[in-house]
PDB file of N, CA and C in Angstrom:
ATOM      1  N   UNK A   1    -141.012-260.727  36.593  1.00  0.00           N
ATOM      2  CA  UNK A   1    -140.759-259.535  37.069  1.00  0.00           C
ATOM      3  C   UNK A   1    -139.712-259.340  37.889  1.00  0.00           C
ATOM      4  N   UNK A   2    -139.066-258.630  38.279  1.00  0.00           N
ATOM      5  CA  UNK A   2    -138.073-258.444  38.700  1.00  0.00           C
ATOM      6  C   UNK A   2    -138.599-256.705  39.223  1.00  0.00           C
ATOM      7  N   UNK A   3    -138.586-256.950  40.665  1.00  0.00           N
ATOM      8  CA  UNK A   3    -139.141-255.076  41.683  1.00  0.00           C
ATOM      9  C   UNK A   3    -138.252-255.402  42.953  1.00  0.00           C
ATOM     10  N   UNK A   4    -137.911-254.254  43.715  1.00  0.00           N
ATOM     11  CA  UNK A   4    -137.099-253.600  44.779  1.00  0.00           C
ATOM     12  C   UNK A   4    -138.185-254.568  45.540  1.00  0.00           C
ATOM     13  N   UNK A   5    -137.098-254.575  47.058  1.00  0.00           N
ATOM     14  CA  UNK A   5    -138.356-255.017  47.753  1.00  0.00           C
ATOM     15  C   UNK A   5    -139.104-254.494  48.300  1.00  0.00           C
ATOM     16  N   UNK A   6    -139.240-253.298  48.517  1.00  0.00           N
ATOM     17  CA  UNK A   6    -140.141-252.211  49.148  1.00  0.00           C
ATOM     18  C   UNK A   6    -141.528-252.767  48.202  1.00  0.00           C
ATOM     19  N   UNK A   7    -141.419-252.519  47.079  1.00  0.00           N
ATOM     20  CA  UNK A   7    -142.405-252.833  45.965  1.00  0.00           C
ATOM     21  C   UNK A   7    -142.933-253.880  45.897  1.00  0.00           C
ATOM     22  N   UNK A   8    -142.234-254.981  45.763  1.00  0.00           N
ATOM     23  CA  UNK A   8    -142.698-256.351  46.495  1.00  0.00           C
ATOM     24  C   UNK A   8    -143.358-256.691  47.441  1.00  0.00           C
ATOM     25  N   UNK A   9    -142.620-256.007  48.447  1.00  0.00           N
ATOM     26  CA  UNK A   9    -143.598-256.480  50.284  1.00  0.00           C
ATOM     27  C   UNK A   9    -144.948-255.560  49.623  1.00  0.00           C
ATOM     28  N   UNK A  10    -145.041-254.432  49.253  1.00  0.00           N
ATOM     29  CA  UNK A  10    -146.056-253.932  48.929  1.00  0.00           C
ATOM     30  C   UNK A  10    -147.017-254.340  48.222  1.00  0.00           C
ATOM     31  N   UNK A  11    -146.944-254.969  47.192  1.00  0.00           N
ATOM     32  CA  UNK A  11    -147.674-255.675  46.232  1.00  0.00           C
ATOM     33  C   UNK A  11    -148.446-256.846  47.099  1.00  0.00           C
ATOM     34  N   UNK A  12    -147.527-257.610  47.832  1.00  0.00           N
ATOM     35  CA  UNK A  12    -147.522-259.042  48.585  1.00  0.00           C
ATOM     36  C   UNK A  12    -148.780-258.239  49.697  1.00  0.00           C
ATOM     37  N   UNK A  13    -148.824-257.225  50.335  1.00  0.00           N
ATOM     38  CA  UNK A  13    -149.168-256.992  51.051  1.00  0.00           C
ATOM     39  C   UNK A  13    -151.013-256.937  50.558  1.00  0.00           C
ATOM     40  N   UNK A  14    -151.188-255.811  49.568  1.00  0.00           N
ATOM     41  CA  UNK A  14    -152.067-255.363  48.889  1.00  0.00           C
ATOM     42  C   UNK A  14    -153.015-257.125  47.938  1.00  0.00           C
ATOM     43  N   UNK A  15    -152.152-257.675  47.833  1.00  0.00           N
ATOM     44  CA  UNK A  15    -152.636-258.933  47.394  1.00  0.00           C
ATOM     45  C   UNK A  15    -152.999-259.617  48.123  1.00  0.00           C
ATOM     46  N   UNK A  16    -152.868-260.002  49.439  1.00  0.00           N
ATOM     47  CA  UNK A  16    -153.337-260.561  50.777  1.00  0.00           C
ATOM     48  C   UNK A  16    -154.515-259.877  51.247  1.00  0.00           C
ATOM     49  N   UNK A  17    -154.557-258.363  51.405  1.00  0.00           N
ATOM     50  CA  UNK A  17    -155.871-257.574  51.683  1.00  0.00           C
ATOM     51  C   UNK A  17    -156.793-257.917  50.323  1.00  0.00           C
ATOM     52  N   UNK A  18    -156.313-257.967  49.406  1.00  0.00           N
ATOM     53  CA  UNK A  18    -157.489-258.333  48.256  1.00  0.00           C
ATOM     54  C   UNK A  18    -157.909-260.150  48.512  1.00  0.00           C
ATOM     55  N   UNK A  19    -157.477-261.229  49.188  1.00  0.00           N
ATOM     56  CA  UNK A  19    -157.902-262.113  49.404  1.00  0.00           C
ATOM     57  C   UNK A  19    -156.694-263.381  48.052  1.00  0.00           C
ATOM     58  N   UNK A  20    -156.331-262.829  47.452  1.00  0.00           N
ATOM     59  CA  UNK A  20    -155.641-263.509  46.323  1.00  0.00           C
ATOM     60  C   UNK A  20    -154.659-264.272  47.465  1.00  0.00           C
ATOM     61  N   UNK A  21    -154.248-265.459  46.378  1.00  0.00           N
ATOM     62  CA  UNK A  21    -153.739-266.765  46.446  1.00  0.00           C
ATOM     63  C   UNK A  21    -151.968-266.170  46.281  1.00  0.00           C
ATOM     64  N   UNK A  22    -151.722-265.461  45.354  1.00  0.00           N
ATOM     65  CA  UNK A  22    -150.320-265.167  45.077  1.00  0.00           C
ATOM     66  C   UNK A  22    -150.237-263.781  44.326  1.00  0.00           C
ATOM     67  N   UNK A  23    -149.151-263.556  44.556  1.00  0.00           N
ATOM     68  CA  UNK A  23    -148.517-262.420  43.405  1.00  0.00           C
ATOM     69  C   UNK A  23    -148.674-262.391  42.165  1.00  0.00           C
ATOM     70  N   UNK A  24    -149.016-263.563  41.416  1.00  0.00           N
ATOM     71  CA  UNK A  24    -149.574-264.107  39.909  1.00  0.00           C
ATOM     72  C   UNK A  24    -151.021-263.605  40.253  1.00  0.00           C
ATOM     73  N   UNK A  25    -151.595-264.209  40.685  1.00  0.00           N
ATOM     74  CA  UNK A  25    -153.289-264.253  40.739  1.00  0.00           C
ATOM     75  C   UNK A  25    -153.711-262.474  41.216  1.00  0.00           C
ATOM     76  N   UNK A  26    -152.918-262.038  41.890  1.00  0.00           N
ATOM     77  CA  UNK A  26    -152.868-260.241  42.082  1.00  0.00           C
ATOM     78  C   UNK A  26    -152.837-260.160  40.626  1.00  0.00           C
ATOM     79  N   UNK A  27    -151.537-260.023  39.883  1.00  0.00           N
ATOM     80  CA  UNK A  27    -151.155-258.674  38.822  1.00  0.00           C
ATOM     81  C   UNK A  27    -151.870-259.212  37.721  1.00  0.00           C
ATOM     82  N   UNK A  28    -152.107-260.682  37.795  1.00  0.00           N
ATOM     83  CA  UNK A  28    -153.650-261.099  36.617  1.00  0.00           C
ATOM     84  C   UNK A  28    -154.665-260.167  36.726  1.00  0.00           C
ATOM     85  N   UNK A  29    -154.794-260.123  38.010  1.00  0.00           N
ATOM     86  CA  UNK A  29    -156.361-259.314  38.855  1.00  0.00           C
ATOM     87  C   UNK A  29    -156.038-257.645  38.023  1.00  0.00           C
ATOM     88  N   UNK A  30    -155.127-257.051  38.594  1.00  0.00           N
ATOM     89  CA  UNK A  30    -154.821-255.798  38.163  1.00  0.00           C
ATOM     90  C   UNK A  30    -154.835-254.986  36.778  1.00  0.00           C
ATOM     91  N   UNK A  31    -153.848-256.408  36.161  1.00  0.00           N
ATOM     92  CA  UNK A  31    -153.899-256.002  34.536  1.00  0.00           C
ATOM     93  C   UNK A  31    -155.544-256.325  33.815  1.00  0.00           C
ATOM     94  N   UNK A  32    -156.573-257.452  34.305  1.00  0.00           N
ATOM     95  CA  UNK A  32    -157.575-257.380  33.654  1.00  0.00           C
ATOM     96  C   UNK A  32    -158.698-255.937  34.078  1.00  0.00           C
ATOM     97  N   UNK A  33    -158.661-255.582  34.789  1.00  0.00           N
ATOM     98  CA  UNK A  33    -159.255-254.390  35.725  1.00  0.00           C
ATOM     99  C   UNK A  33    -158.786-253.787  34.741  1.00  0.00           C
ATOM    100  N   UNK A  34    -157.027-252.967  34.737  1.00  0.00           N
ATOM    101  CA  UNK A  34    -156.849-251.842  33.578  1.00  0.00           C
ATOM    102  C   UNK A  34    -156.730-251.790  32.864  1.00  0.00           C
ATOM    103  N   UNK A  35    -156.290-252.904  32.321  1.00  0.00           N
ATOM    104  CA  UNK A  35    -155.903-252.645  30.488  1.00  0.00           C
ATOM    105  C   UNK A  35    -157.207-252.349  29.973  1.00  0.00           C
ATOM    106  N   UNK A  36    -158.188-252.856  29.728  1.00  0.00           N
ATOM    107  CA  UNK A  36    -159.342-252.234  28.809  1.00  0.00           C
ATOM    108  C   UNK A  36    -159.572-250.654  29.097  1.00  0.00           C
ATOM    109  N   UNK A  37    -159.411-250.099  29.746  1.00  0.00           N
ATOM    110  CA  UNK A  37    -159.654-249.116  30.576  1.00  0.00           C
ATOM    111  C   UNK A  37    -158.429-247.575  29.897  1.00  0.00           C
ATOM    112  N   UNK A  38    -156.904-248.499  29.632  1.00  0.00           N
ATOM    113  CA  UNK A  38    -156.178-247.950  29.256  1.00  0.00           C
ATOM    114  C   UNK A  38    -155.884-248.254  27.628  1.00  0.00           C
ATOM    115  N   UNK A  39    -156.513-249.003  27.193  1.00  0.00           N
ATOM    116  CA  UNK A  39    -156.503-249.282  25.878  1.00  0.00           C
ATOM    117  C   UNK A  39    -157.444-248.400  25.393  1.00  0.00           C
ATOM    118  N   UNK A  40    -159.120-248.420  25.651  1.00  0.00           N
ATOM    119  CA  UNK A  40    -160.032-247.338  25.358  1.00  0.00           C
ATOM    120  C   UNK A  40    -159.347-246.162  25.293  1.00  0.00           C
ATOM    121  N   UNK A  41    -158.474-246.010  26.695  1.00  0.00           N
ATOM    122  CA  UNK A  41    -157.912-244.101  26.277  1.00  0.00           C
ATOM    123  C   UNK A  41    -157.140-244.231  25.018  1.00  0.00           C
ATOM    124  N   UNK A  42    -156.395-244.746  24.878  1.00  0.00           N
ATOM    125  CA  UNK A  42    -155.533-244.961  23.228  1.00  0.00           C
ATOM    126  C   UNK A  42    -156.320-244.728  22.193  1.00  0.00           C
ATOM    127  N   UNK A  43    -157.687-245.097  22.472  1.00  0.00           N
ATOM    128  CA  UNK A  43    -157.793-245.585  21.344  1.00  0.00           C
ATOM    129  C   UNK A  43    -159.199-244.494  20.721  1.00  0.00           C
ATOM    130  N   UNK A  44    -159.888-244.236  21.773  1.00  0.00           N
ATOM    131  CA  UNK A  44    -161.088-243.487  21.555  1.00  0.00           C
ATOM    132  C   UNK A  44    -160.356-241.875  21.756  1.00  0.00           C
ATOM    133  N   UNK A  45    -160.948-240.976  20.709  1.00  0.00           N
ATOM    134  CA  UNK A  45    -161.489-239.725  20.407  1.00  0.00           C
ATOM    135  C   UNK A  45    -161.829-238.670  20.683  1.00  0.00           C
ATOM    136  N   UNK A  46    -161.817-238.133  21.462  1.00  0.00           N
ATOM    137  CA  UNK A  46    -162.811-237.037  22.679  1.00  0.00           C
ATOM    138  C   UNK A  46    -162.677-235.964  21.843  1.00  0.00           C
ATOM    139  N   UNK A  47    -163.869-235.334  21.646  1.00  0.00           N
ATOM    140  CA  UNK A  47    -163.268-233.869  20.866  1.00  0.00           C
ATOM    141  C   UNK A  47    -164.694-232.733  21.776  1.00  0.00           C
ATOM    142  N   UNK A  48    -164.429-232.233  21.516  1.00  0.00           N
ATOM    143  CA  UNK A  48    -165.443-230.744  22.005  1.00  0.00           C
ATOM    144  C   UNK A  48    -166.944-230.732  20.926  1.00  0.00           C
ATOM    145  N   UNK A  49    -167.672-230.128  20.891  1.00  0.00           N
ATOM    146  CA  UNK A  49    -169.030-229.891  19.836  1.00  0.00           C
ATOM    147  C   UNK A  49    -168.393-228.743  18.345  1.00  0.00           C
ATOM    148  N   UNK A  50    -167.430-227.804  19.374  1.00  0.00           N
ATOM    149  CA  UNK A  50    -166.615-226.697  18.460  1.00  0.00           C
ATOM    150  C   UNK A  50    -165.917-227.724  17.461  1.00  0.00           C
ATOM    151  N   UNK A  51    -165.046-228.730  18.322  1.00  0.00           N
ATOM    152  CA  UNK A  51    -163.611-229.313  17.542  1.00  0.00           C
ATOM    153  C   UNK A  51    -164.876-230.243  16.461  1.00  0.00           C
ATOM    154  N   UNK A  52    -165.504-230.698  16.682  1.00  0.00           N
ATOM    155  CA  UNK A  52    -166.330-231.912  15.960  1.00  0.00           C
ATOM    156  C   UNK A  52    -166.737-230.965  14.915  1.00  0.00           C
ATOM    157  N   UNK A  53    -167.599-229.849  14.726  1.00  0.00           N
ATOM    158  CA  UNK A  53    -168.495-229.400  13.970  1.00  0.00           C
ATOM    159  C   UNK A  53    -166.926-228.798  13.530  1.00  0.00           C
ATOM    160  N   UNK A  54    -166.141-228.119  13.455  1.00  0.00           N
ATOM    161  CA  UNK A  54    -164.931-227.883  13.070  1.00  0.00           C
ATOM    162  C   UNK A  54    -164.427-228.966  11.655  1.00  0.00           C
ATOM    163  N   UNK A  55    -163.986-230.098  12.639  1.00  0.00           N
ATOM    164  CA  UNK A  55    -163.622-231.325  11.818  1.00  0.00           C
ATOM    165  C   UNK A  55    -164.449-231.480  10.476  1.00  0.00           C
ATOM    166  N   UNK A  56    -165.806-231.561  10.843  1.00  0.00           N
ATOM    167  CA  UNK A  56    -166.937-232.155   9.992  1.00  0.00           C
ATOM    168  C   UNK A  56    -167.175-230.668   8.843  1.00  0.00           C
ATOM    169  N   UNK A  57    -166.496-230.003   8.776  1.00  0.00           N
ATOM    170  CA  UNK A  57    -166.626-228.793   8.241  1.00  0.00           C
ATOM    171  C   UNK A  57    -165.449-228.893   6.931  1.00  0.00           C
ATOM    172  N   UNK A  58    -164.479-229.102   7.451  1.00  0.00           N
ATOM    173  CA  UNK A  58    -163.146-229.881   6.542  1.00  0.00           C
ATOM    174  C   UNK A  58    -163.360-230.737   5.945  1.00  0.00           C
ATOM    175  N   UNK A  59    -163.846-231.917   6.926  1.00  0.00           N
ATOM    176  CA  UNK A  59    -164.311-233.277   5.412  1.00  0.00           C
ATOM    177  C   UNK A  59    -165.314-232.444   4.984  1.00  0.00           C
ATOM    178  N   UNK A  60    -166.209-231.647   4.974  1.00  0.00           N
ATOM    179  CA  UNK A  60    -167.294-231.357   3.562  1.00  0.00           C
ATOM    180  C   UNK A  60    -166.563-230.840   2.791  1.00  0.00           C
ATOM    181  N   UNK A  61    -165.762-229.857   3.164  1.00  0.00           N
ATOM    182  CA  UNK A  61    -165.164-229.139   2.191  1.00  0.00           C
ATOM    183  C   UNK A  61    -164.292-229.580   1.148  1.00  0.00           C
ATOM    184  N   UNK A  62    -164.722-229.603  -0.691  1.00  0.00           N
ATOM    185  CA  UNK A  62    -164.538-230.262  -1.571  1.00  0.00           C
ATOM    186  C   UNK A  62    -163.538-229.775  -2.052  1.00  0.00           C
ATOM    187  N   UNK A  63    -163.028-228.035  -1.798  1.00  0.00           N
ATOM    188  CA  UNK A  63    -161.977-227.699  -2.129  1.00  0.00           C
ATOM    189  C   UNK A  63    -160.299-228.195  -1.747  1.00  0.00           C
ATOM    190  N   UNK A  64    -160.845-228.490  -0.025  1.00  0.00           N
ATOM    191  CA  UNK A  64    -159.275-228.762   0.455  1.00  0.00           C
ATOM    192  C   UNK A  64    -159.014-230.369  -0.265  1.00  0.00           C
ATOM    193  N   UNK A  65    -157.561-230.765  -0.181  1.00  0.00           N
ATOM    194  CA  UNK A  65    -157.178-231.960  -0.875  1.00  0.00           C
ATOM    195  C   UNK A  65    -155.888-232.471   0.335  1.00  0.00           C
ATOM    196  N   UNK A  66    -156.288-234.011   0.057  1.00  0.00           N
ATOM    197  CA  UNK A  66    -155.758-234.264   1.414  1.00  0.00           C
ATOM    198  C   UNK A  66    -154.116-234.255   1.491  1.00  0.00           C
ATOM    199  N   UNK A  67    -153.625-234.567   2.156  1.00  0.00           N
ATOM    200  CA  UNK A  67    -151.901-234.512   2.206  1.00  0.00           C
ATOM    201  C   UNK A  67    -151.428-235.695   1.797  1.00  0.00           C
ATOM    202  N   UNK A  68    -150.334-235.792   1.620  1.00  0.00           N
ATOM    203  CA  UNK A  68    -149.697-236.870   1.121  1.00  0.00           C
ATOM    204  C   UNK A  68    -149.801-237.922   2.654  1.00  0.00           C
ATOM    205  N   UNK A  69    -149.234-237.176   3.519  1.00  0.00           N
ATOM    206  CA  UNK A  69    -149.415-237.733   5.254  1.00  0.00           C
ATOM    207  C   UNK A  69    -150.909-239.032   5.401  1.00  0.00           C
ATOM    208  N   UNK A  70    -151.722-237.940   5.209  1.00  0.00           N
ATOM    209  CA  UNK A  70    -153.275-238.543   5.103  1.00  0.00           C
ATOM    210  C   UNK A  70    -153.895-239.958   3.984  1.00  0.00           C
ATOM    211  N   UNK A  71    -153.007-239.275   3.052  1.00  0.00           N
ATOM    212  CA  UNK A  71    -152.803-240.667   2.121  1.00  0.00           C
ATOM    213  C   UNK A  71    -152.244-241.396   2.058  1.00  0.00           C
ATOM    214  N   UNK A  72    -151.081-241.411   2.907  1.00  0.00           N
ATOM    215  CA  UNK A  72    -150.676-242.803   3.156  1.00  0.00           C
ATOM    216  C   UNK A  72    -151.062-243.624   4.299  1.00  0.00           C
ATOM    217  N   UNK A  73    -151.511-242.924   4.925  1.00  0.00           N
ATOM    218  CA  UNK A  73    -151.881-243.053   6.164  1.00  0.00           C
ATOM    219  C   UNK A  73    -153.616-243.985   6.115  1.00  0.00           C
ATOM    220  N   UNK A  74    -154.040-243.644   4.976  1.00  0.00           N
ATOM    221  CA  UNK A  74    -155.389-244.051   4.547  1.00  0.00           C
ATOM    222  C   UNK A  74    -155.367-245.121   4.116  1.00  0.00           C
ATOM    223  N   UNK A  75    -154.285-245.504   2.726  1.00  0.00           N
ATOM    224  CA  UNK A  75    -153.629-246.536   2.262  1.00  0.00           C
ATOM    225  C   UNK A  75    -153.589-247.558   3.539  1.00  0.00           C
ATOM    226  N   UNK A  76    -152.911-247.280   4.435  1.00  0.00           N
ATOM    227  CA  UNK A  76    -152.076-248.415   5.347  1.00  0.00           C
ATOM    228  C   UNK A  76    -153.394-248.920   6.048  1.00  0.00           C
ATOM    229  N   UNK A  77    -154.423-247.997   6.793  1.00  0.00           N
ATOM    230  CA  UNK A  77    -155.653-248.609   7.004  1.00  0.00           C
ATOM    231  C   UNK A  77    -156.611-249.402   5.861  1.00  0.00           C
ATOM    232  N   UNK A  78    -156.193-248.856   4.703  1.00  0.00           N
ATOM    233  CA  UNK A  78    -157.296-249.808   3.879  1.00  0.00           C
ATOM    234  C   UNK A  78    -156.530-251.274   3.633  1.00  0.00           C
ATOM    235  N   UNK A  79    -155.148-250.986   3.755  1.00  0.00           N
ATOM    236  CA  UNK A  79    -154.638-252.629   3.425  1.00  0.00           C
ATOM    237  C   UNK A  79    -154.741-253.631   4.613  1.00  0.00           C
ATOM    238  N   UNK A  80    -155.119-253.070   5.671  1.00  0.00           N
ATOM    239  CA  UNK A  80    -154.746-253.568   6.831  1.00  0.00           C
ATOM    240  C   UNK A  80    -156.732-253.948   7.484  1.00  0.00           C
ATOM    241  N   UNK A  81    -157.542-253.523   6.728  1.00  0.00           N
ATOM    242  CA  UNK A  81    -158.956-253.797   6.159  1.00  0.00           C
ATOM    243  C   UNK A  81    -159.665-252.946   7.221  1.00  0.00           C
ATOM    244  N   UNK A  82    -158.890-251.848   7.506  1.00  0.00           N
ATOM    245  CA  UNK A  82    -159.709-250.997   8.176  1.00  0.00           C
ATOM    246  C   UNK A  82    -160.181-249.984   7.953  1.00  0.00           C
ATOM    247  N   UNK A  83    -160.749-249.586   6.870  1.00  0.00           N
ATOM    248  CA  UNK A  83    -161.315-248.414   6.003  1.00  0.00           C
ATOM    249  C   UNK A  83    -162.671-248.878   5.663  1.00  0.00           C
ATOM    250  N   UNK A  84    -163.476-247.900   5.631  1.00  0.00           N
ATOM    251  CA  UNK A  84    -164.855-248.363   5.495  1.00  0.00           C
ATOM    252  C   UNK A  84    -164.933-247.647   3.955  1.00  0.00           C
ATOM    253  N   UNK A  85    -165.702-248.469   3.126  1.00  0.00           N
ATOM    254  CA  UNK A  85    -166.040-248.275   1.887  1.00  0.00           C
ATOM    255  C   UNK A  85    -167.453-247.512   1.705  1.00  0.00           C
TER     256      UNK A  85
END
């Protein structure tokens, strides 16, 4: 990975402050510590109680029909084995 001199020096100082033996160890540590939270932020959906109740109401309304976009997404999830039966 190529970075400017200032960034490299900052990383080296932080690496030394944490007792890492190399920049590779430091970068690996950062990735392992931060990646799970970042991935979870991208996969979790957080709703207020009001938003959740509205969503459930729409799901339970049998007069509504799913759009083509929703049907396509559901088919893709089903093909990937992610749909619950």
